[in-house]
Amino acid sequence: MNPKATVKAVCTSASKGERKKDVQQASFVTDHGIQGDGHAGPGHRQVSLLAMESIEKMRKAGLKVGPGDFAENLTTEGIILHTLPVGTVLQIGDVVMEVSQIGKLCHERCAIYYQAGDCVMPKEGIFTVVKSNGIIKSGDTIQVKKA
């Protein structure tokens, strides 16, 4: 039996380029992202997701990291995010999102890269656009609606 995919943390920051803090729940706005988050706005990278399983890889490399430390908005558990194709529709809590990008190009090496010699977000993080308003809370179930 497959484990249930859930939201482990909901993370925001006021500005880009900083670690995010777990705020437990947030309001998601259609075609914008998380209300009050520094990364929110129009475009195809409104909300970022990274699996706790990916963060665990960095912990095994000796880093003291946790949810939000890779600037992800949603830390998930029980789903291999980077295997979802672009266009996959996710239902998380009240919110519908569509996967818009897998991974990202890092133009500059971040502090995590210099500490560990690697970073998981460029390879294993994903980005989505918000398709419906709503609230997402830690513990919410993640359902893949269309792949």
N, C-alpha and C. Protein backbone atom coordinates (compact mmCIF):
# COMPACT_ATOMS: atom_id res chain seq x y z
N MET A 1 0.84 -1.19 0.00
CA MET A 1 0.00 0.00 0.00
C MET A 1 0.88 1.25 0.00
N ASN A 2 0.56 2.21 -0.85
CA ASN A 2 1.34 3.43 -0.92
C ASN A 2 1.01 4.33 0.26
N PRO A 3 2.04 4.99 0.81
CA PRO A 3 1.75 5.93 1.89
C PRO A 3 0.97 7.13 1.34
N LYS A 4 0.23 7.75 2.21
CA LYS A 4 -0.57 8.92 1.81
C LYS A 4 0.37 10.11 1.65
N ALA A 5 0.21 10.85 0.55
CA ALA A 5 1.00 12.05 0.33
C ALA A 5 0.37 13.20 1.10
N THR A 6 1.19 13.91 1.87
CA THR A 6 0.69 15.01 2.70
C THR A 6 1.62 16.22 2.65
N VAL A 7 1.10 17.33 3.14
CA VAL A 7 1.88 18.55 3.32
C VAL A 7 2.52 18.48 4.70
N LYS A 8 3.82 18.56 4.74
CA LYS A 8 4.57 18.52 6.00
C LYS A 8 4.71 19.94 6.58
N ALA A 9 4.88 20.95 5.70
CA ALA A 9 5.04 22.33 6.16
C ALA A 9 4.57 23.29 5.08
N VAL A 10 4.04 24.44 5.51
CA VAL A 10 3.65 25.54 4.63
C VAL A 10 4.56 26.70 5.00
N CYS A 11 5.43 27.11 4.05
CA CYS A 11 6.49 28.06 4.38
C CYS A 11 6.40 29.33 3.53
N THR A 12 6.68 30.46 4.18
CA THR A 12 6.67 31.74 3.48
C THR A 12 7.85 32.59 3.96
N SER A 13 8.17 33.61 3.17
CA SER A 13 9.14 34.63 3.57
C SER A 13 8.70 35.95 2.95
N ALA A 14 9.10 37.03 3.57
CA ALA A 14 8.70 38.35 3.08
C ALA A 14 9.43 38.71 1.79
N SER A 15 10.65 38.20 1.62
CA SER A 15 11.48 38.56 0.47
C SER A 15 12.03 37.33 -0.23
N LYS A 16 12.48 37.52 -1.46
CA LYS A 16 13.18 36.47 -2.18
C LYS A 16 14.58 36.35 -1.62
N GLY A 17 15.20 35.18 -1.84
CA GLY A 17 16.60 35.00 -1.46
C GLY A 17 16.82 34.71 0.01
N GLU A 18 15.77 34.34 0.73
CA GLU A 18 15.94 33.98 2.14
C GLU A 18 15.19 32.70 2.44
N ARG A 19 15.65 32.03 3.50
CA ARG A 19 14.96 30.82 3.93
C ARG A 19 13.55 31.19 4.35
N LYS A 20 12.65 30.23 4.17
CA LYS A 20 11.25 30.47 4.52
C LYS A 20 10.96 29.85 5.88
N LYS A 21 9.96 30.37 6.55
CA LYS A 21 9.55 29.86 7.87
C LYS A 21 8.23 29.13 7.74
N ASP A 22 8.09 28.04 8.49
CA ASP A 22 6.85 27.27 8.51
C ASP A 22 5.79 28.07 9.26
N VAL A 23 4.71 28.42 8.53
CA VAL A 23 3.62 29.20 9.12
C VAL A 23 2.37 28.34 9.35
N GLN A 24 2.48 27.02 9.12
CA GLN A 24 1.42 26.04 9.35
C GLN A 24 0.27 26.08 8.36
N GLN A 25 -0.14 27.25 7.91
CA GLN A 25 -1.19 27.36 6.90
C GLN A 25 -1.09 28.71 6.21
N ALA A 26 -1.61 28.76 4.99
CA ALA A 26 -1.57 30.02 4.24
C ALA A 26 -2.72 30.07 3.25
N SER A 27 -2.98 31.29 2.79
CA SER A 27 -4.02 31.54 1.80
C SER A 27 -3.38 31.58 0.41
N PHE A 28 -3.91 30.77 -0.49
CA PHE A 28 -3.41 30.68 -1.86
C PHE A 28 -4.38 31.40 -2.79
N VAL A 29 -3.81 32.22 -3.69
CA VAL A 29 -4.61 33.07 -4.55
C VAL A 29 -4.39 32.66 -6.01
N THR A 30 -5.50 32.50 -6.74
CA THR A 30 -5.46 32.10 -8.15
C THR A 30 -4.53 33.00 -8.96
N ASP A 31 -3.68 32.38 -9.76
CA ASP A 31 -2.75 33.07 -10.66
C ASP A 31 -1.82 34.04 -9.92
N HIS A 32 -1.56 33.77 -8.63
CA HIS A 32 -0.69 34.66 -7.85
C HIS A 32 0.27 33.88 -6.95
N GLY A 33 -0.22 32.92 -6.19
CA GLY A 33 0.62 32.18 -5.24
C GLY A 33 0.11 32.38 -3.83
N ILE A 34 1.04 32.38 -2.88
CA ILE A 34 0.67 32.51 -1.46
C ILE A 34 0.58 33.99 -1.10
N GLN A 35 -0.54 34.36 -0.52
CA GLN A 35 -0.74 35.74 -0.09
C GLN A 35 0.36 36.13 0.90
N GLY A 36 1.09 37.22 0.59
CA GLY A 36 2.13 37.71 1.49
C GLY A 36 3.50 37.10 1.30
N ASP A 37 3.66 36.14 0.39
CA ASP A 37 4.96 35.52 0.17
C ASP A 37 5.78 36.33 -0.83
N GLY A 38 7.07 36.43 -0.60
CA GLY A 38 7.96 37.19 -1.46
C GLY A 38 8.07 36.67 -2.88
N HIS A 39 7.77 35.39 -3.10
CA HIS A 39 7.85 34.81 -4.44
C HIS A 39 6.52 34.86 -5.19
N ALA A 40 5.46 35.31 -4.55
CA ALA A 40 4.14 35.33 -5.19
C ALA A 40 4.09 36.37 -6.30
N GLY A 41 3.23 36.14 -7.25
CA GLY A 41 3.03 37.07 -8.35
C GLY A 41 2.74 36.32 -9.63
N PRO A 42 2.48 37.05 -10.69
CA PRO A 42 2.17 36.38 -11.96
C PRO A 42 3.38 35.60 -12.45
N GLY A 43 3.13 34.67 -13.33
CA GLY A 43 4.22 33.87 -13.88
C GLY A 43 3.99 32.40 -13.63
N HIS A 44 4.97 31.60 -14.00
CA HIS A 44 4.79 30.14 -13.92
C HIS A 44 5.45 29.51 -12.69
N ARG A 45 6.08 30.31 -11.83
CA ARG A 45 6.70 29.77 -10.62
C ARG A 45 6.09 30.41 -9.37
N GLN A 46 4.77 30.27 -9.22
CA GLN A 46 4.06 30.92 -8.12
C GLN A 46 4.28 30.22 -6.78
N VAL A 47 4.32 28.89 -6.80
CA VAL A 47 4.47 28.11 -5.57
C VAL A 47 5.52 27.03 -5.82
N SER A 48 6.47 26.90 -4.88
CA SER A 48 7.49 25.86 -5.01
C SER A 48 7.24 24.74 -4.01
N LEU A 49 7.54 23.52 -4.43
CA LEU A 49 7.36 22.35 -3.58
C LEU A 49 8.65 21.54 -3.56
N LEU A 50 8.97 21.00 -2.41
CA LEU A 50 10.12 20.12 -2.24
C LEU A 50 9.74 19.03 -1.25
N ALA A 51 10.13 17.81 -1.55
CA ALA A 51 9.79 16.67 -0.69
C ALA A 51 10.69 16.59 0.54
N MET A 52 10.11 16.21 1.65
CA MET A 52 10.88 15.96 2.87
C MET A 52 11.95 14.90 2.60
N GLU A 53 11.63 13.96 1.73
CA GLU A 53 12.59 12.92 1.37
C GLU A 53 13.85 13.52 0.74
N SER A 54 13.69 14.61 -0.02
CA SER A 54 14.84 15.31 -0.61
C SER A 54 15.64 16.04 0.47
N ILE A 55 14.94 16.64 1.41
CA ILE A 55 15.62 17.33 2.53
C ILE A 55 16.41 16.32 3.35
N GLU A 56 15.85 15.12 3.52
CA GLU A 56 16.56 14.06 4.26
C GLU A 56 17.89 13.70 3.60
N LYS A 57 17.94 13.75 2.27
CA LYS A 57 19.21 13.48 1.56
C LYS A 57 20.27 14.48 1.99
N MET A 58 19.89 15.73 2.14
CA MET A 58 20.84 16.76 2.55
C MET A 58 21.23 16.59 4.02
N ARG A 59 20.29 16.12 4.83
CA ARG A 59 20.62 15.84 6.24
C ARG A 59 21.66 14.72 6.32
N LYS A 60 21.50 13.72 5.47
CA LYS A 60 22.47 12.61 5.46
C LYS A 60 23.84 13.07 5.00
N ALA A 61 23.88 14.18 4.24
CA ALA A 61 25.15 14.77 3.79
C ALA A 61 25.76 15.65 4.90
N GLY A 62 25.09 15.72 6.05
CA GLY A 62 25.64 16.43 7.19
C GLY A 62 25.08 17.81 7.46
N LEU A 63 24.08 18.23 6.68
CA LEU A 63 23.51 19.57 6.88
C LEU A 63 22.39 19.53 7.92
N LYS A 64 22.29 20.60 8.67
CA LYS A 64 21.18 20.76 9.61
C LYS A 64 20.14 21.62 8.92
N VAL A 65 19.28 20.98 8.15
CA VAL A 65 18.26 21.68 7.36
C VAL A 65 16.90 21.09 7.63
N GLY A 66 15.87 21.86 7.32
CA GLY A 66 14.51 21.41 7.51
C GLY A 66 13.58 22.12 6.55
N PRO A 67 12.28 21.98 6.76
CA PRO A 67 11.31 22.64 5.90
C PRO A 67 11.55 24.14 5.80
N GLY A 68 11.52 24.64 4.55
CA GLY A 68 11.70 26.06 4.29
C GLY A 68 13.13 26.48 4.03
N ASP A 69 14.09 25.65 4.41
CA ASP A 69 15.50 26.03 4.27
C ASP A 69 15.97 26.08 2.82
N PHE A 70 15.22 25.48 1.91
CA PHE A 70 15.56 25.53 0.49
C PHE A 70 14.65 26.54 -0.23
N ALA A 71 13.98 27.39 0.54
CA ALA A 71 13.07 28.43 0.05
C ALA A 71 11.83 27.85 -0.62
N GLU A 72 11.49 26.60 -0.29
CA GLU A 72 10.26 26.01 -0.83
C GLU A 72 9.07 26.48 -0.03
N ASN A 73 7.93 26.62 -0.73
CA ASN A 73 6.69 27.00 -0.05
C ASN A 73 6.01 25.83 0.63
N LEU A 74 5.97 24.70 -0.06
CA LEU A 74 5.34 23.51 0.51
C LEU A 74 6.36 22.39 0.62
N THR A 75 6.53 21.87 1.82
CA THR A 75 7.34 20.68 2.03
C THR A 75 6.35 19.52 2.08
N THR A 76 6.59 18.52 1.24
CA THR A 76 5.66 17.40 1.12
C THR A 76 6.28 16.13 1.67
N GLU A 77 5.45 15.11 1.82
CA GLU A 77 5.93 13.80 2.25
C GLU A 77 5.08 12.73 1.57
N GLY A 78 5.74 11.70 1.06
CA GLY A 78 5.02 10.57 0.48
C GLY A 78 4.73 10.68 -1.00
N ILE A 79 5.34 11.64 -1.70
CA ILE A 79 5.14 11.78 -3.14
C ILE A 79 6.48 12.18 -3.77
N ILE A 80 6.83 11.55 -4.88
CA ILE A 80 8.08 11.87 -5.58
C ILE A 80 7.76 12.98 -6.57
N LEU A 81 7.95 14.20 -6.13
CA LEU A 81 7.51 15.37 -6.88
C LEU A 81 8.14 15.49 -8.26
N HIS A 82 9.46 15.31 -8.34
CA HIS A 82 10.16 15.58 -9.59
C HIS A 82 9.85 14.57 -10.70
N THR A 83 9.04 13.55 -10.38
CA THR A 83 8.62 12.59 -11.43
C THR A 83 7.27 12.97 -12.03
N LEU A 84 6.61 13.99 -11.46
CA LEU A 84 5.32 14.43 -11.99
C LEU A 84 5.55 15.25 -13.25
N PRO A 85 4.88 14.94 -14.34
CA PRO A 85 5.09 15.73 -15.55
C PRO A 85 4.47 17.14 -15.45
N VAL A 86 5.07 18.07 -16.18
CA VAL A 86 4.47 19.41 -16.31
C VAL A 86 3.05 19.22 -16.81
N GLY A 87 2.11 19.96 -16.23
CA GLY A 87 0.69 19.83 -16.57
C GLY A 87 -0.09 18.99 -15.59
N THR A 88 0.60 18.28 -14.68
CA THR A 88 -0.09 17.50 -13.66
C THR A 88 -0.90 18.43 -12.77
N VAL A 89 -2.14 18.04 -12.48
CA VAL A 89 -3.01 18.82 -11.61
C VAL A 89 -3.00 18.18 -10.22
N LEU A 90 -2.78 19.02 -9.22
CA LEU A 90 -2.75 18.58 -7.83
C LEU A 90 -3.88 19.25 -7.06
N GLN A 91 -4.54 18.47 -6.20
CA GLN A 91 -5.52 19.02 -5.25
C GLN A 91 -4.87 18.91 -3.88
N ILE A 92 -4.66 20.06 -3.24
CA ILE A 92 -4.05 20.10 -1.91
C ILE A 92 -4.95 20.95 -1.03
N GLY A 93 -5.57 20.34 -0.03
CA GLY A 93 -6.55 21.07 0.77
C GLY A 93 -7.66 21.55 -0.14
N ASP A 94 -7.97 22.85 -0.07
CA ASP A 94 -9.00 23.45 -0.92
C ASP A 94 -8.45 23.87 -2.28
N VAL A 95 -7.14 23.82 -2.45
CA VAL A 95 -6.47 24.47 -3.58
C VAL A 95 -6.15 23.49 -4.71
N VAL A 96 -6.39 23.95 -5.93
CA VAL A 96 -6.00 23.21 -7.13
C VAL A 96 -4.79 23.94 -7.72
N MET A 97 -3.75 23.16 -8.04
CA MET A 97 -2.53 23.71 -8.65
C MET A 97 -2.16 22.87 -9.86
N GLU A 98 -1.40 23.48 -10.75
CA GLU A 98 -0.89 22.75 -11.91
C GLU A 98 0.63 22.86 -11.94
N VAL A 99 1.29 21.72 -12.11
CA VAL A 99 2.75 21.69 -12.19
C VAL A 99 3.19 22.44 -13.44
N SER A 100 4.07 23.43 -13.26
CA SER A 100 4.50 24.27 -14.37
C SER A 100 5.98 24.14 -14.71
N GLN A 101 6.78 23.61 -13.77
CA GLN A 101 8.21 23.46 -14.01
C GLN A 101 8.78 22.43 -13.05
N ILE A 102 9.71 21.62 -13.56
CA ILE A 102 10.42 20.65 -12.74
C ILE A 102 11.85 21.16 -12.59
N GLY A 103 12.29 21.33 -11.36
CA GLY A 103 13.64 21.82 -11.12
C GLY A 103 13.82 23.26 -11.56
N LYS A 104 15.05 23.74 -11.41
CA LYS A 104 15.34 25.10 -11.84
C LYS A 104 16.84 25.24 -12.05
N LEU A 105 17.19 26.22 -12.82
CA LEU A 105 18.59 26.55 -13.03
C LEU A 105 19.02 27.52 -11.95
N CYS A 106 20.07 27.20 -11.25
CA CYS A 106 20.60 28.12 -10.24
C CYS A 106 21.70 28.93 -10.88
N HIS A 107 21.49 30.23 -10.97
CA HIS A 107 22.47 31.11 -11.59
C HIS A 107 23.64 31.37 -10.65
N GLU A 108 23.36 31.33 -9.36
CA GLU A 108 24.40 31.53 -8.36
C GLU A 108 24.33 30.38 -7.38
N ARG A 109 25.47 29.98 -6.88
CA ARG A 109 25.51 28.92 -5.87
C ARG A 109 25.03 29.50 -4.54
N CYS A 110 24.08 28.78 -3.90
CA CYS A 110 23.55 29.25 -2.63
C CYS A 110 24.40 28.74 -1.47
N ALA A 111 24.08 29.20 -0.28
CA ALA A 111 24.81 28.79 0.91
C ALA A 111 24.74 27.28 1.11
N ILE A 112 23.59 26.68 0.79
CA ILE A 112 23.44 25.23 0.94
C ILE A 112 24.45 24.51 0.06
N TYR A 113 24.60 24.97 -1.18
CA TYR A 113 25.55 24.34 -2.10
C TYR A 113 26.96 24.39 -1.53
N TYR A 114 27.36 25.53 -1.00
CA TYR A 114 28.71 25.66 -0.46
C TYR A 114 28.92 24.83 0.80
N GLN A 115 27.86 24.62 1.57
CA GLN A 115 27.98 23.79 2.77
C GLN A 115 28.05 22.31 2.44
N ALA A 116 27.26 21.88 1.45
CA ALA A 116 27.13 20.45 1.18
C ALA A 116 27.79 20.00 -0.12
N GLY A 117 28.12 20.96 -0.97
CA GLY A 117 28.67 20.60 -2.27
C GLY A 117 27.59 20.21 -3.26
N ASP A 118 26.33 20.37 -2.86
CA ASP A 118 25.20 20.02 -3.72
C ASP A 118 23.95 20.67 -3.14
N CYS A 119 22.89 20.71 -3.93
CA CYS A 119 21.61 21.23 -3.47
C CYS A 119 20.52 20.45 -4.20
N VAL A 120 19.47 20.07 -3.49
CA VAL A 120 18.41 19.25 -4.09
C VAL A 120 17.35 20.06 -4.82
N MET A 121 17.17 21.32 -4.47
CA MET A 121 16.07 22.09 -5.08
C MET A 121 16.17 22.17 -6.60
N PRO A 122 17.35 22.43 -7.19
CA PRO A 122 17.41 22.53 -8.66
C PRO A 122 17.01 21.24 -9.38
N LYS A 123 17.22 20.09 -8.75
CA LYS A 123 16.92 18.80 -9.40
C LYS A 123 15.58 18.21 -8.98
N GLU A 124 15.19 18.42 -7.73
CA GLU A 124 14.04 17.70 -7.18
C GLU A 124 12.88 18.58 -6.76
N GLY A 125 13.06 19.89 -6.78
CA GLY A 125 11.97 20.80 -6.48
C GLY A 125 11.09 20.99 -7.70
N ILE A 126 9.82 21.34 -7.47
CA ILE A 126 8.92 21.64 -8.59
C ILE A 126 8.22 22.96 -8.32
N PHE A 127 7.63 23.50 -9.38
CA PHE A 127 6.89 24.76 -9.29
C PHE A 127 5.50 24.55 -9.84
N THR A 128 4.56 25.31 -9.29
CA THR A 128 3.16 25.22 -9.73
C THR A 128 2.56 26.61 -9.89
N VAL A 129 1.44 26.64 -10.62
CA VAL A 129 0.60 27.83 -10.67
C VAL A 129 -0.70 27.49 -9.94
N VAL A 130 -1.25 28.46 -9.25
CA VAL A 130 -2.47 28.27 -8.46
C VAL A 130 -3.67 28.45 -9.38
N LYS A 131 -4.54 27.45 -9.39
CA LYS A 131 -5.73 27.46 -10.26
C LYS A 131 -7.01 27.79 -9.51
N SER A 132 -7.00 27.68 -8.16
CA SER A 132 -8.19 28.04 -7.38
C SER A 132 -7.77 28.56 -6.01
N ASN A 133 -8.49 29.56 -5.53
CA ASN A 133 -8.23 30.12 -4.20
C ASN A 133 -8.50 29.10 -3.12
N GLY A 134 -7.83 29.26 -1.98
CA GLY A 134 -8.12 28.41 -0.84
C GLY A 134 -7.00 28.43 0.18
N ILE A 135 -7.18 27.62 1.20
CA ILE A 135 -6.22 27.50 2.30
C ILE A 135 -5.55 26.14 2.20
N ILE A 136 -4.24 26.11 2.43
CA ILE A 136 -3.51 24.85 2.60
C ILE A 136 -2.90 24.88 3.99
N LYS A 137 -3.04 23.75 4.71
CA LYS A 137 -2.53 23.61 6.06
C LYS A 137 -1.57 22.43 6.13
N SER A 138 -0.66 22.47 7.08
CA SER A 138 0.19 21.31 7.36
C SER A 138 -0.72 20.13 7.66
N GLY A 139 -0.41 18.99 7.09
CA GLY A 139 -1.22 17.77 7.29
C GLY A 139 -2.23 17.52 6.20
N ASP A 140 -2.49 18.52 5.33
CA ASP A 140 -3.43 18.32 4.22
C ASP A 140 -2.95 17.21 3.28
N THR A 141 -3.89 16.50 2.71
CA THR A 141 -3.60 15.44 1.75
C THR A 141 -3.34 16.02 0.37
N ILE A 142 -2.41 15.40 -0.34
CA ILE A 142 -2.09 15.79 -1.72
C ILE A 142 -2.65 14.72 -2.63
N GLN A 143 -3.50 15.12 -3.56
CA GLN A 143 -4.07 14.18 -4.53
C GLN A 143 -3.64 14.59 -5.94
N VAL A 144 -3.14 13.60 -6.69
CA VAL A 144 -2.81 13.83 -8.09
C VAL A 144 -4.11 13.61 -8.87
N LYS A 145 -4.61 14.69 -9.48
CA LYS A 145 -5.89 14.62 -10.20
C LYS A 145 -5.70 14.25 -11.65
N LYS A 146 -4.64 14.73 -12.28
CA LYS A 146 -4.41 14.46 -13.69
C LYS A 146 -2.91 14.52 -13.92
N ALA A 147 -2.42 13.51 -14.63
CA ALA A 147 -0.98 13.51 -14.95
C ALA A 147 -0.79 13.39 -16.44
